[in-house]
Structures are given as C-alpha cells and as structure tokens.
N, C-alpha and C. Protein backbone atom coordinates (compact mmCIF):
# COMPACT_ATOMS: atom_id res chain seq x y z
N MET A 1 -6.84 -11.60 3.52
CA MET A 1 -7.08 -10.33 4.21
C MET A 1 -5.82 -9.89 4.94
N PHE A 2 -5.64 -8.57 5.02
CA PHE A 2 -4.50 -7.99 5.72
C PHE A 2 -5.00 -6.94 6.70
N THR A 3 -4.13 -6.58 7.64
CA THR A 3 -4.53 -5.63 8.69
C THR A 3 -3.93 -4.24 8.49
N GLY A 4 -2.97 -4.10 7.58
CA GLY A 4 -2.32 -2.82 7.41
C GLY A 4 -1.24 -2.54 8.44
N ILE A 5 -0.92 -3.55 9.27
CA ILE A 5 0.19 -3.41 10.22
C ILE A 5 1.40 -4.10 9.59
N VAL A 6 2.26 -3.30 9.00
CA VAL A 6 3.43 -3.83 8.30
C VAL A 6 4.35 -4.52 9.28
N GLN A 7 4.80 -5.74 8.92
CA GLN A 7 5.64 -6.53 9.82
C GLN A 7 7.13 -6.24 9.64
N GLY A 8 7.47 -5.52 8.60
CA GLY A 8 8.87 -5.17 8.36
C GLY A 8 9.09 -4.89 6.88
N ILE A 9 10.33 -4.68 6.51
CA ILE A 9 10.67 -4.47 5.11
C ILE A 9 11.59 -5.59 4.64
N ALA A 10 11.57 -5.84 3.34
CA ALA A 10 12.41 -6.87 2.74
C ALA A 10 13.04 -6.31 1.48
N GLU A 11 14.28 -6.71 1.23
CA GLU A 11 14.99 -6.23 0.04
C GLU A 11 14.64 -7.09 -1.17
N VAL A 12 14.38 -6.43 -2.28
CA VAL A 12 14.23 -7.13 -3.55
C VAL A 12 15.64 -7.42 -4.06
N VAL A 13 16.00 -8.70 -4.17
CA VAL A 13 17.37 -9.07 -4.53
C VAL A 13 17.51 -9.48 -5.98
N GLU A 14 16.38 -9.72 -6.65
CA GLU A 14 16.45 -10.14 -8.05
C GLU A 14 15.11 -9.85 -8.72
N VAL A 15 15.18 -9.45 -10.00
CA VAL A 15 13.98 -9.19 -10.79
C VAL A 15 14.16 -9.86 -12.14
N HIS A 16 13.17 -10.67 -12.54
CA HIS A 16 13.18 -11.31 -13.85
C HIS A 16 12.08 -10.68 -14.69
N GLU A 17 12.45 -10.11 -15.84
CA GLU A 17 11.50 -9.39 -16.68
C GLU A 17 11.10 -10.22 -17.90
N LEU A 18 9.79 -10.26 -18.18
CA LEU A 18 9.24 -10.77 -19.42
C LEU A 18 8.24 -9.74 -19.92
N GLU A 19 7.63 -9.96 -21.07
CA GLU A 19 6.67 -9.00 -21.59
C GLU A 19 5.43 -8.97 -20.71
N ASP A 20 5.13 -7.78 -20.15
CA ASP A 20 3.97 -7.58 -19.27
C ASP A 20 3.97 -8.54 -18.09
N PHE A 21 5.13 -8.89 -17.61
CA PHE A 21 5.23 -9.88 -16.53
C PHE A 21 6.61 -9.74 -15.89
N ARG A 22 6.66 -9.88 -14.58
CA ARG A 22 7.97 -9.91 -13.92
C ARG A 22 7.87 -10.75 -12.65
N THR A 23 9.01 -11.27 -12.24
CA THR A 23 9.10 -12.02 -11.00
C THR A 23 10.03 -11.29 -10.05
N HIS A 24 9.55 -11.05 -8.84
CA HIS A 24 10.36 -10.45 -7.77
C HIS A 24 10.89 -11.56 -6.88
N VAL A 25 12.16 -11.50 -6.56
CA VAL A 25 12.73 -12.38 -5.55
C VAL A 25 13.16 -11.49 -4.39
N ILE A 26 12.61 -11.75 -3.21
CA ILE A 26 12.96 -10.94 -2.05
C ILE A 26 13.70 -11.79 -1.02
N ALA A 27 14.53 -11.12 -0.23
CA ALA A 27 15.19 -11.76 0.90
C ALA A 27 14.30 -11.57 2.12
N LEU A 28 13.53 -12.59 2.45
CA LEU A 28 12.56 -12.48 3.53
C LEU A 28 13.22 -12.87 4.85
N PRO A 29 13.24 -11.95 5.83
CA PRO A 29 13.87 -12.25 7.13
C PRO A 29 13.27 -13.50 7.76
N GLU A 30 14.07 -14.19 8.55
CA GLU A 30 13.67 -15.47 9.13
C GLU A 30 12.36 -15.38 9.90
N GLY A 31 12.18 -14.32 10.66
CA GLY A 31 10.98 -14.20 11.48
C GLY A 31 9.70 -14.12 10.67
N MET A 32 9.81 -13.75 9.38
CA MET A 32 8.62 -13.63 8.52
C MET A 32 8.40 -14.89 7.68
N ARG A 33 9.31 -15.87 7.78
CA ARG A 33 9.19 -17.07 6.95
C ARG A 33 8.52 -18.24 7.67
N SER A 34 8.25 -18.12 8.94
CA SER A 34 7.69 -19.23 9.71
C SER A 34 6.38 -19.73 9.10
N GLY A 35 6.36 -21.00 8.71
CA GLY A 35 5.15 -21.60 8.16
C GLY A 35 4.82 -21.17 6.75
N LEU A 36 5.70 -20.42 6.11
CA LEU A 36 5.42 -19.93 4.76
C LEU A 36 5.47 -21.08 3.76
N GLU A 37 4.47 -21.14 2.87
CA GLU A 37 4.41 -22.18 1.87
C GLU A 37 4.10 -21.57 0.51
N ILE A 38 4.44 -22.33 -0.55
CA ILE A 38 4.07 -21.90 -1.89
C ILE A 38 2.55 -21.79 -1.97
N GLY A 39 2.08 -20.69 -2.55
CA GLY A 39 0.64 -20.42 -2.62
C GLY A 39 0.15 -19.46 -1.56
N ALA A 40 0.99 -19.18 -0.55
CA ALA A 40 0.60 -18.24 0.51
C ALA A 40 0.54 -16.82 -0.03
N SER A 41 -0.26 -15.98 0.62
CA SER A 41 -0.39 -14.58 0.23
C SER A 41 0.48 -13.70 1.12
N VAL A 42 1.23 -12.81 0.49
CA VAL A 42 2.09 -11.86 1.19
C VAL A 42 1.93 -10.51 0.51
N ALA A 43 1.68 -9.45 1.28
CA ALA A 43 1.52 -8.12 0.70
C ALA A 43 2.87 -7.44 0.55
N HIS A 44 3.12 -6.90 -0.65
CA HIS A 44 4.31 -6.09 -0.94
C HIS A 44 3.83 -4.66 -1.19
N ASN A 45 4.22 -3.72 -0.35
CA ASN A 45 3.72 -2.34 -0.49
C ASN A 45 2.21 -2.33 -0.64
N GLY A 46 1.55 -3.26 0.06
CA GLY A 46 0.10 -3.29 0.05
C GLY A 46 -0.52 -4.12 -1.05
N VAL A 47 0.30 -4.68 -1.95
CA VAL A 47 -0.21 -5.48 -3.06
C VAL A 47 -0.20 -6.96 -2.66
N CYS A 48 -1.34 -7.60 -2.75
CA CYS A 48 -1.43 -9.02 -2.42
C CYS A 48 -0.78 -9.85 -3.51
N LEU A 49 0.31 -10.56 -3.16
CA LEU A 49 1.02 -11.41 -4.11
C LEU A 49 1.08 -12.84 -3.58
N THR A 50 1.27 -13.78 -4.48
CA THR A 50 1.30 -15.20 -4.13
C THR A 50 2.71 -15.74 -4.20
N VAL A 51 3.13 -16.47 -3.18
CA VAL A 51 4.44 -17.11 -3.18
C VAL A 51 4.50 -18.16 -4.28
N THR A 52 5.51 -18.08 -5.16
CA THR A 52 5.65 -19.05 -6.24
C THR A 52 6.87 -19.96 -6.07
N ALA A 53 7.82 -19.56 -5.23
CA ALA A 53 9.00 -20.40 -4.98
C ALA A 53 9.66 -19.95 -3.69
N ILE A 54 10.26 -20.91 -2.99
CA ILE A 54 10.98 -20.63 -1.74
C ILE A 54 12.32 -21.33 -1.81
N ASP A 55 13.40 -20.58 -1.65
CA ASP A 55 14.76 -21.13 -1.64
C ASP A 55 15.52 -20.48 -0.49
N GLY A 56 15.38 -21.06 0.70
CA GLY A 56 15.96 -20.44 1.89
C GLY A 56 15.28 -19.12 2.17
N GLU A 57 16.07 -18.06 2.28
CA GLU A 57 15.50 -16.74 2.54
C GLU A 57 14.97 -16.09 1.27
N ARG A 58 15.29 -16.65 0.11
CA ARG A 58 14.87 -16.08 -1.17
C ARG A 58 13.48 -16.60 -1.54
N VAL A 59 12.53 -15.67 -1.59
CA VAL A 59 11.14 -16.03 -1.86
C VAL A 59 10.69 -15.28 -3.11
N SER A 60 10.05 -16.00 -4.04
CA SER A 60 9.67 -15.43 -5.34
C SER A 60 8.17 -15.17 -5.43
N PHE A 61 7.84 -14.13 -6.19
CA PHE A 61 6.45 -13.73 -6.43
C PHE A 61 6.32 -13.26 -7.88
N ASP A 62 5.22 -13.62 -8.52
CA ASP A 62 4.98 -13.18 -9.90
C ASP A 62 4.05 -11.98 -9.93
N LEU A 63 4.33 -11.04 -10.84
CA LEU A 63 3.54 -9.83 -11.01
C LEU A 63 2.98 -9.81 -12.42
N MET A 64 1.65 -9.72 -12.53
CA MET A 64 0.99 -9.71 -13.83
C MET A 64 0.83 -8.28 -14.35
N ARG A 65 0.31 -8.19 -15.58
CA ARG A 65 0.19 -6.90 -16.28
C ARG A 65 -0.57 -5.87 -15.46
N GLU A 66 -1.71 -6.24 -14.88
CA GLU A 66 -2.53 -5.28 -14.15
C GLU A 66 -1.81 -4.77 -12.91
N THR A 67 -1.08 -5.65 -12.23
CA THR A 67 -0.30 -5.23 -11.07
C THR A 67 0.78 -4.23 -11.47
N LEU A 68 1.45 -4.49 -12.58
CA LEU A 68 2.49 -3.58 -13.05
C LEU A 68 1.91 -2.23 -13.46
N ARG A 69 0.69 -2.24 -13.97
CA ARG A 69 0.06 -1.00 -14.43
C ARG A 69 -0.44 -0.14 -13.27
N LEU A 70 -1.01 -0.78 -12.26
CA LEU A 70 -1.69 -0.04 -11.20
C LEU A 70 -0.81 0.32 -10.01
N THR A 71 0.33 -0.34 -9.84
CA THR A 71 1.10 -0.19 -8.61
C THR A 71 2.54 0.26 -8.88
N ASN A 72 3.23 0.58 -7.78
CA ASN A 72 4.62 1.02 -7.91
C ASN A 72 5.61 -0.14 -7.96
N LEU A 73 5.12 -1.39 -7.95
CA LEU A 73 6.04 -2.53 -7.96
C LEU A 73 6.74 -2.69 -9.30
N GLY A 74 6.14 -2.18 -10.37
CA GLY A 74 6.78 -2.28 -11.68
C GLY A 74 8.04 -1.45 -11.79
N ALA A 75 8.22 -0.49 -10.89
CA ALA A 75 9.41 0.37 -10.93
C ALA A 75 10.47 -0.05 -9.93
N ILE A 76 10.23 -1.14 -9.19
CA ILE A 76 11.18 -1.60 -8.19
C ILE A 76 12.40 -2.22 -8.86
N SER A 77 13.59 -1.90 -8.36
CA SER A 77 14.84 -2.46 -8.85
C SER A 77 15.52 -3.24 -7.73
N PRO A 78 16.37 -4.21 -8.09
CA PRO A 78 17.13 -4.92 -7.05
C PRO A 78 17.88 -3.95 -6.14
N GLY A 79 17.83 -4.22 -4.85
CA GLY A 79 18.45 -3.35 -3.87
C GLY A 79 17.45 -2.45 -3.16
N GLN A 80 16.27 -2.26 -3.76
CA GLN A 80 15.23 -1.48 -3.10
C GLN A 80 14.42 -2.39 -2.18
N CYS A 81 13.68 -1.77 -1.27
CA CYS A 81 12.93 -2.53 -0.27
C CYS A 81 11.44 -2.31 -0.42
N VAL A 82 10.66 -3.28 0.07
CA VAL A 82 9.21 -3.18 0.06
C VAL A 82 8.68 -3.48 1.46
N ASN A 83 7.52 -2.89 1.78
CA ASN A 83 6.83 -3.24 3.02
C ASN A 83 6.25 -4.65 2.90
N ILE A 84 6.36 -5.42 3.96
CA ILE A 84 5.89 -6.80 3.95
C ILE A 84 4.86 -7.02 5.06
N GLU A 85 3.75 -7.69 4.68
CA GLU A 85 2.80 -8.19 5.67
C GLU A 85 2.29 -9.55 5.23
N ARG A 86 2.40 -10.54 6.11
CA ARG A 86 1.80 -11.85 5.85
C ARG A 86 0.28 -11.75 5.99
N ALA A 87 -0.43 -12.60 5.28
CA ALA A 87 -1.89 -12.60 5.37
C ALA A 87 -2.34 -12.86 6.81
N ALA A 88 -3.40 -12.18 7.21
CA ALA A 88 -3.93 -12.36 8.56
C ALA A 88 -4.56 -13.75 8.69
N ARG A 89 -4.47 -14.30 9.89
CA ARG A 89 -5.09 -15.59 10.18
C ARG A 89 -6.27 -15.38 11.12
N PHE A 90 -7.20 -16.32 11.09
CA PHE A 90 -8.38 -16.22 11.97
C PHE A 90 -7.93 -16.12 13.43
N GLY A 91 -8.43 -15.12 14.12
CA GLY A 91 -8.07 -14.91 15.51
C GLY A 91 -6.99 -13.89 15.73
N ASP A 92 -6.29 -13.46 14.62
CA ASP A 92 -5.26 -12.43 14.76
C ASP A 92 -5.89 -11.11 15.19
N GLU A 93 -5.13 -10.33 15.93
CA GLU A 93 -5.58 -8.99 16.30
C GLU A 93 -5.55 -8.09 15.08
N ILE A 94 -6.64 -7.35 14.85
CA ILE A 94 -6.69 -6.38 13.75
C ILE A 94 -6.28 -5.03 14.31
N GLY A 95 -4.99 -4.73 14.23
CA GLY A 95 -4.50 -3.50 14.83
C GLY A 95 -4.70 -2.28 13.95
N GLY A 96 -4.87 -2.50 12.63
CA GLY A 96 -5.10 -1.38 11.73
C GLY A 96 -6.56 -1.38 11.30
N HIS A 97 -6.80 -1.65 10.00
CA HIS A 97 -8.16 -1.86 9.52
C HIS A 97 -8.12 -2.93 8.44
N SER A 98 -9.25 -3.54 8.18
CA SER A 98 -9.30 -4.65 7.23
C SER A 98 -8.92 -4.17 5.84
N MET A 99 -7.94 -4.86 5.23
CA MET A 99 -7.47 -4.50 3.90
C MET A 99 -7.42 -5.76 3.03
N SER A 100 -7.65 -5.57 1.72
CA SER A 100 -7.73 -6.71 0.80
C SER A 100 -6.44 -6.95 0.04
N GLY A 101 -5.57 -5.95 -0.02
CA GLY A 101 -4.37 -6.07 -0.85
C GLY A 101 -4.62 -5.74 -2.31
N HIS A 102 -5.79 -5.14 -2.61
CA HIS A 102 -6.13 -4.76 -3.98
C HIS A 102 -5.98 -3.24 -4.11
N ILE A 103 -5.00 -2.81 -4.87
CA ILE A 103 -4.68 -1.39 -5.00
C ILE A 103 -5.61 -0.72 -6.00
N ILE A 104 -6.13 0.45 -5.66
CA ILE A 104 -7.05 1.16 -6.53
C ILE A 104 -6.33 2.15 -7.44
N CYS A 105 -5.20 2.70 -6.98
CA CYS A 105 -4.44 3.66 -7.76
C CYS A 105 -3.12 3.96 -7.05
N MET A 106 -2.32 4.81 -7.66
CA MET A 106 -1.13 5.34 -7.00
C MET A 106 -1.34 6.81 -6.69
N ALA A 107 -0.64 7.30 -5.69
CA ALA A 107 -0.67 8.72 -5.33
C ALA A 107 0.76 9.23 -5.27
N LYS A 108 0.95 10.47 -5.67
CA LYS A 108 2.30 11.06 -5.70
C LYS A 108 2.54 11.88 -4.43
N VAL A 109 3.74 11.74 -3.87
CA VAL A 109 4.13 12.57 -2.73
C VAL A 109 4.35 14.00 -3.23
N VAL A 110 3.63 14.96 -2.64
CA VAL A 110 3.74 16.35 -3.09
C VAL A 110 4.40 17.26 -2.05
N ALA A 111 4.45 16.83 -0.80
CA ALA A 111 5.10 17.65 0.23
C ALA A 111 5.41 16.78 1.44
N ILE A 112 6.51 17.12 2.10
CA ILE A 112 6.91 16.44 3.34
C ILE A 112 7.22 17.51 4.37
N GLU A 113 6.55 17.42 5.52
CA GLU A 113 6.74 18.39 6.60
C GLU A 113 7.29 17.66 7.82
N ASP A 114 8.51 18.00 8.20
CA ASP A 114 9.14 17.37 9.36
C ASP A 114 8.98 18.25 10.60
N ALA A 115 8.73 17.60 11.71
CA ALA A 115 8.65 18.26 13.01
C ALA A 115 9.28 17.33 14.02
N PRO A 116 9.59 17.81 15.23
CA PRO A 116 10.17 16.91 16.24
C PRO A 116 9.30 15.69 16.48
N ASN A 117 9.89 14.51 16.29
CA ASN A 117 9.26 13.23 16.61
C ASN A 117 8.10 12.83 15.70
N ASN A 118 7.88 13.52 14.60
CA ASN A 118 6.84 13.09 13.67
C ASN A 118 7.06 13.71 12.30
N ARG A 119 6.34 13.20 11.32
CA ARG A 119 6.44 13.71 9.95
C ARG A 119 5.06 13.69 9.32
N ARG A 120 4.75 14.74 8.59
CA ARG A 120 3.50 14.79 7.83
C ARG A 120 3.85 14.71 6.35
N ILE A 121 3.16 13.80 5.65
CA ILE A 121 3.37 13.66 4.21
C ILE A 121 2.06 13.93 3.50
N TRP A 122 2.13 14.74 2.44
CA TRP A 122 0.97 15.05 1.61
C TRP A 122 1.07 14.28 0.30
N PHE A 123 -0.08 13.74 -0.13
CA PHE A 123 -0.15 12.96 -1.37
C PHE A 123 -1.24 13.55 -2.26
N ALA A 124 -1.02 13.49 -3.58
CA ALA A 124 -2.02 13.92 -4.55
C ALA A 124 -2.75 12.71 -5.10
N LEU A 125 -4.09 12.76 -5.07
CA LEU A 125 -4.93 11.66 -5.54
C LEU A 125 -5.68 12.08 -6.80
N PRO A 126 -5.89 11.15 -7.75
CA PRO A 126 -6.73 11.48 -8.91
C PRO A 126 -8.17 11.72 -8.50
N GLU A 127 -8.88 12.51 -9.30
CA GLU A 127 -10.25 12.92 -8.96
C GLU A 127 -11.19 11.74 -8.80
N ARG A 128 -10.98 10.66 -9.56
CA ARG A 128 -11.93 9.55 -9.55
C ARG A 128 -12.02 8.83 -8.20
N VAL A 129 -10.99 8.96 -7.37
CA VAL A 129 -11.03 8.31 -6.05
C VAL A 129 -11.13 9.31 -4.90
N ALA A 130 -11.18 10.60 -5.25
CA ALA A 130 -11.20 11.63 -4.20
C ALA A 130 -12.42 11.50 -3.29
N LYS A 131 -13.54 11.02 -3.85
CA LYS A 131 -14.78 10.94 -3.06
C LYS A 131 -14.71 9.92 -1.94
N PHE A 132 -13.70 9.05 -1.95
CA PHE A 132 -13.58 8.02 -0.92
C PHE A 132 -12.68 8.45 0.25
N VAL A 133 -12.12 9.65 0.18
CA VAL A 133 -11.13 10.07 1.18
C VAL A 133 -11.72 11.18 2.05
N PHE A 134 -11.75 10.93 3.36
CA PHE A 134 -12.32 11.88 4.31
C PHE A 134 -11.34 12.10 5.47
N GLU A 135 -11.39 13.28 6.05
CA GLU A 135 -10.60 13.54 7.25
C GLU A 135 -10.99 12.54 8.34
N LYS A 136 -9.98 11.96 8.97
CA LYS A 136 -10.10 10.96 10.03
C LYS A 136 -10.56 9.60 9.52
N GLY A 137 -10.68 9.45 8.21
CA GLY A 137 -11.02 8.15 7.66
C GLY A 137 -9.77 7.28 7.50
N TYR A 138 -9.97 5.99 7.23
CA TYR A 138 -8.85 5.07 7.03
C TYR A 138 -8.41 5.08 5.57
N ILE A 139 -7.12 4.83 5.36
CA ILE A 139 -6.58 4.66 4.02
C ILE A 139 -5.34 3.77 4.10
N GLY A 140 -5.10 3.00 3.06
CA GLY A 140 -3.90 2.18 2.99
C GLY A 140 -2.87 2.83 2.09
N VAL A 141 -1.68 3.11 2.62
CA VAL A 141 -0.60 3.73 1.85
C VAL A 141 0.59 2.77 1.85
N ASP A 142 0.93 2.23 0.69
CA ASP A 142 1.99 1.22 0.59
C ASP A 142 1.77 0.08 1.59
N GLY A 143 0.50 -0.26 1.79
CA GLY A 143 0.17 -1.37 2.67
C GLY A 143 0.06 -1.02 4.14
N ILE A 144 0.21 0.26 4.49
CA ILE A 144 0.17 0.69 5.88
C ILE A 144 -1.20 1.28 6.18
N SER A 145 -1.84 0.79 7.22
CA SER A 145 -3.11 1.35 7.66
C SER A 145 -2.86 2.69 8.34
N LEU A 146 -3.41 3.75 7.75
CA LEU A 146 -3.19 5.09 8.29
C LEU A 146 -4.51 5.85 8.37
N THR A 147 -4.51 6.89 9.20
CA THR A 147 -5.65 7.77 9.34
C THR A 147 -5.40 9.04 8.54
N VAL A 148 -6.37 9.42 7.73
CA VAL A 148 -6.25 10.64 6.95
C VAL A 148 -6.25 11.83 7.89
N GLY A 149 -5.26 12.71 7.72
CA GLY A 149 -5.19 13.92 8.54
C GLY A 149 -6.07 15.02 7.98
N ASP A 150 -5.62 15.65 6.92
CA ASP A 150 -6.37 16.74 6.28
C ASP A 150 -6.57 16.40 4.80
N VAL A 151 -7.60 17.02 4.22
CA VAL A 151 -7.89 16.88 2.80
C VAL A 151 -8.09 18.27 2.23
N ARG A 152 -7.49 18.52 1.05
CA ARG A 152 -7.59 19.83 0.42
C ARG A 152 -7.59 19.65 -1.10
N PRO A 153 -8.10 20.65 -1.85
CA PRO A 153 -8.04 20.55 -3.31
C PRO A 153 -6.57 20.52 -3.76
N SER A 154 -6.30 19.78 -4.82
CA SER A 154 -4.93 19.71 -5.32
C SER A 154 -4.56 21.02 -5.99
N ALA A 155 -3.27 21.27 -6.10
CA ALA A 155 -2.79 22.53 -6.66
C ALA A 155 -3.23 22.73 -8.10
N ASP A 156 -3.33 21.63 -8.87
CA ASP A 156 -3.71 21.74 -10.27
C ASP A 156 -5.22 21.64 -10.49
N GLY A 157 -5.97 21.45 -9.41
CA GLY A 157 -7.42 21.36 -9.51
C GLY A 157 -7.93 20.07 -10.10
N ALA A 158 -7.06 19.09 -10.28
CA ALA A 158 -7.44 17.84 -10.94
C ALA A 158 -7.80 16.74 -9.95
N GLY A 159 -7.84 17.04 -8.69
CA GLY A 159 -8.15 16.02 -7.69
C GLY A 159 -8.04 16.60 -6.30
N VAL A 160 -7.60 15.80 -5.35
CA VAL A 160 -7.42 16.27 -3.99
C VAL A 160 -6.05 15.86 -3.49
N GLU A 161 -5.63 16.51 -2.43
CA GLU A 161 -4.43 16.11 -1.70
C GLU A 161 -4.85 15.75 -0.28
N PHE A 162 -4.20 14.75 0.28
CA PHE A 162 -4.50 14.39 1.66
C PHE A 162 -3.18 14.18 2.40
N SER A 163 -3.23 14.32 3.71
CA SER A 163 -2.03 14.16 4.52
C SER A 163 -2.19 13.02 5.50
N VAL A 164 -1.06 12.44 5.90
CA VAL A 164 -1.02 11.48 7.00
C VAL A 164 0.10 11.91 7.93
N ASN A 165 -0.06 11.59 9.20
CA ASN A 165 0.94 11.93 10.21
C ASN A 165 1.62 10.64 10.68
N LEU A 166 2.94 10.62 10.65
CA LEU A 166 3.70 9.40 10.90
C LEU A 166 4.57 9.54 12.14
N ILE A 167 4.49 8.54 13.02
CA ILE A 167 5.33 8.52 14.22
C ILE A 167 6.67 7.86 13.89
N PRO A 168 7.68 8.04 14.72
CA PRO A 168 9.00 7.44 14.45
C PRO A 168 8.97 5.94 14.19
N GLU A 169 8.10 5.19 14.90
CA GLU A 169 8.03 3.74 14.71
C GLU A 169 7.63 3.39 13.28
N THR A 170 6.65 4.11 12.73
CA THR A 170 6.24 3.87 11.35
C THR A 170 7.35 4.24 10.38
N LEU A 171 8.03 5.32 10.63
CA LEU A 171 9.11 5.76 9.75
C LEU A 171 10.27 4.78 9.75
N SER A 172 10.55 4.16 10.89
CA SER A 172 11.69 3.25 10.99
C SER A 172 11.38 1.85 10.47
N ARG A 173 10.11 1.43 10.51
CA ARG A 173 9.73 0.07 10.16
C ARG A 173 9.21 -0.09 8.74
N THR A 174 9.00 1.02 8.04
CA THR A 174 8.38 0.94 6.71
C THR A 174 9.16 1.79 5.70
N VAL A 175 8.81 1.60 4.43
CA VAL A 175 9.49 2.35 3.37
C VAL A 175 9.06 3.81 3.33
N LEU A 176 7.99 4.19 4.07
CA LEU A 176 7.58 5.59 4.07
C LEU A 176 8.66 6.50 4.66
N GLY A 177 9.54 5.93 5.48
CA GLY A 177 10.62 6.73 6.04
C GLY A 177 11.61 7.22 5.00
N SER A 178 11.65 6.58 3.84
CA SER A 178 12.59 6.97 2.79
C SER A 178 11.90 7.60 1.57
N ARG A 179 10.59 7.78 1.63
CA ARG A 179 9.89 8.38 0.51
C ARG A 179 10.26 9.85 0.35
N LEU A 180 10.36 10.28 -0.92
CA LEU A 180 10.71 11.65 -1.27
C LEU A 180 9.60 12.27 -2.10
N VAL A 181 9.61 13.59 -2.22
CA VAL A 181 8.66 14.29 -3.09
C VAL A 181 8.80 13.75 -4.52
N GLU A 182 7.67 13.51 -5.16
CA GLU A 182 7.55 12.94 -6.52
C GLU A 182 7.50 11.41 -6.52
N ASP A 183 7.84 10.76 -5.39
CA ASP A 183 7.69 9.30 -5.33
C ASP A 183 6.20 8.94 -5.40
N GLU A 184 5.93 7.75 -5.92
CA GLU A 184 4.55 7.27 -5.99
C GLU A 184 4.33 6.13 -5.01
N VAL A 185 3.19 6.15 -4.35
CA VAL A 185 2.84 5.12 -3.36
C VAL A 185 1.56 4.43 -3.80
N ASN A 186 1.38 3.21 -3.33
CA ASN A 186 0.16 2.45 -3.62
C ASN A 186 -0.95 2.84 -2.65
N ILE A 187 -2.16 2.98 -3.18
CA ILE A 187 -3.30 3.41 -2.38
C ILE A 187 -4.40 2.34 -2.40
N GLU A 188 -4.85 1.96 -1.21
CA GLU A 188 -6.05 1.14 -1.08
C GLU A 188 -7.06 1.90 -0.25
N ILE A 189 -8.23 2.11 -0.83
CA ILE A 189 -9.30 2.82 -0.14
C ILE A 189 -9.94 1.89 0.89
N ASP A 190 -10.35 2.44 2.02
CA ASP A 190 -11.07 1.66 3.02
C ASP A 190 -12.31 1.05 2.37
N PRO A 191 -12.43 -0.29 2.34
CA PRO A 191 -13.55 -0.92 1.63
C PRO A 191 -14.92 -0.55 2.17
N GLN A 192 -15.03 -0.34 3.48
CA GLN A 192 -16.33 0.03 4.04
C GLN A 192 -16.74 1.42 3.56
N THR A 193 -15.77 2.34 3.53
CA THR A 193 -16.07 3.68 3.02
C THR A 193 -16.49 3.61 1.57
N GLN A 194 -15.79 2.81 0.78
CA GLN A 194 -16.12 2.69 -0.64
C GLN A 194 -17.54 2.16 -0.85
N VAL A 195 -17.91 1.15 -0.09
CA VAL A 195 -19.25 0.57 -0.21
C VAL A 195 -20.32 1.60 0.15
N ILE A 196 -20.11 2.32 1.25
CA ILE A 196 -21.09 3.31 1.69
C ILE A 196 -21.26 4.41 0.64
N VAL A 197 -20.14 4.95 0.15
CA VAL A 197 -20.21 6.04 -0.83
C VAL A 197 -20.90 5.58 -2.10
N GLU A 198 -20.52 4.42 -2.62
CA GLU A 198 -21.11 3.94 -3.86
C GLU A 198 -22.59 3.58 -3.69
N THR A 199 -22.98 3.07 -2.51
CA THR A 199 -24.38 2.76 -2.26
C THR A 199 -25.22 4.03 -2.21
N VAL A 200 -24.73 5.05 -1.54
CA VAL A 200 -25.44 6.33 -1.48
C VAL A 200 -25.58 6.91 -2.89
N GLU A 201 -24.53 6.83 -3.70
CA GLU A 201 -24.59 7.34 -5.06
C GLU A 201 -25.67 6.63 -5.88
N ARG A 202 -25.74 5.30 -5.74
CA ARG A 202 -26.74 4.54 -6.50
C ARG A 202 -28.15 4.89 -6.04
N VAL A 203 -28.35 5.04 -4.73
CA VAL A 203 -29.68 5.39 -4.23
C VAL A 203 -30.10 6.76 -4.73
N LEU A 204 -29.21 7.72 -4.67
CA LEU A 204 -29.55 9.08 -5.13
C LEU A 204 -29.80 9.10 -6.63
N ALA A 205 -29.02 8.33 -7.38
CA ALA A 205 -29.19 8.31 -8.83
C ALA A 205 -30.52 7.66 -9.23
N ALA A 206 -31.04 6.75 -8.39
CA ALA A 206 -32.29 6.05 -8.70
C ALA A 206 -33.52 6.87 -8.34
N ARG A 207 -33.37 7.96 -7.61
CA ARG A 207 -34.52 8.78 -7.23
C ARG A 207 -35.06 9.51 -8.45
N PRO A 208 -36.37 9.63 -8.54
CA PRO A 208 -36.97 10.33 -9.68
C PRO A 208 -36.71 11.83 -9.61
C-alpha cells in the first residue's frame, strides 16, 4: 500500500530492453534506501514495482508487458526522473489517500495554467474511467495523491477532462513540475470511489 505522498524523485540511469520486458536501474538517494531489501515494493510514477537488485545507490526493477502497456514507464529513457514512494508501513501517517500502485490508465496533459504560487493542469481521460472522477474526489497522478478540481467534457467528446491544482512544494518535489502539454501521466482511481460506483451500477442493473 502507498499513501500518494511522493518522497522525492530518482533518475533512471540505465534501461535494459528485452521483448515485452525491461529493467530500470535508478539512482536512489541515500535517504530513500534505508532498510531497502530485494523484494521490497517501491512506486515509480505510481506504479508498484519490486526491487530485484541493489548495488549501492543503483537499484533495479523489472517491468512486465502489462506495465509497459498501461503506464508511461515504457517510454522512460536514461536521464529522465520518476516519482518515488516506498511502501507504507503499519503505523505510518496516511497524508494522502490509500493507493495500491495499480494503474488503471494514462491521461494526457491538455492544458497548463500558471498563476502566482500555483499551477493548474488539465488532463484528458478515456470515457471508460470518466465515471470514477468527481469534483473534490481523490485521484492518483503519477503516484501523487491529489484532489480533483474541476471536471468537464473533453474537447473531442470522447471522455472527460479534469484539473488539479498544484502548490510550489508539489511542483518542486515531483515530476509534475516538468510535465508539458501532450505528456502522458499514470492514473490510479481512488479505490473507494471505484467500489462505490461499481456497486451502485450492479444494484441498478439487477433491478427488474
């Protein structure tokens, strides 16, 4: 389990490619390596990955076909950075919201609005997940627990667009500070919202 409070960013220093498979090697800062062992879970841009090797600051993770298909990690190149969060431990403060590290889809950045001391970013979501996104609801964007600002129909009518409002601390500590229009981000829907919506749908569908 993760909290959506990103602990920092780490540079991808090496990528090994095989068919439908790749290994990321990241330079994990010392403060994030304390107690880290092979088999531990670490979220990269919100994707739950397992540590497969540790060599000093160089930590390796394997990415399978489904991860490459559903997330933006398949497009990462050496020199780029990812958001990092270690798995939550029992008793940790949940400063964001409970997250599983299982990405449901990607969303494209469609607009960026800058204002003094904050930034609003708009993302386009596919129609199949639009029903899970509500104003003031929780959403995971590249592993960051955020509150949905506004929701509107997408320009092409194929889904919805939603916005999030980012403070300077979030912009400086995460990769969202460098996102541009047309970039794709990983999306995790709030699991409680998903359960409620799907349960209501099943109940209504079962009515005569």
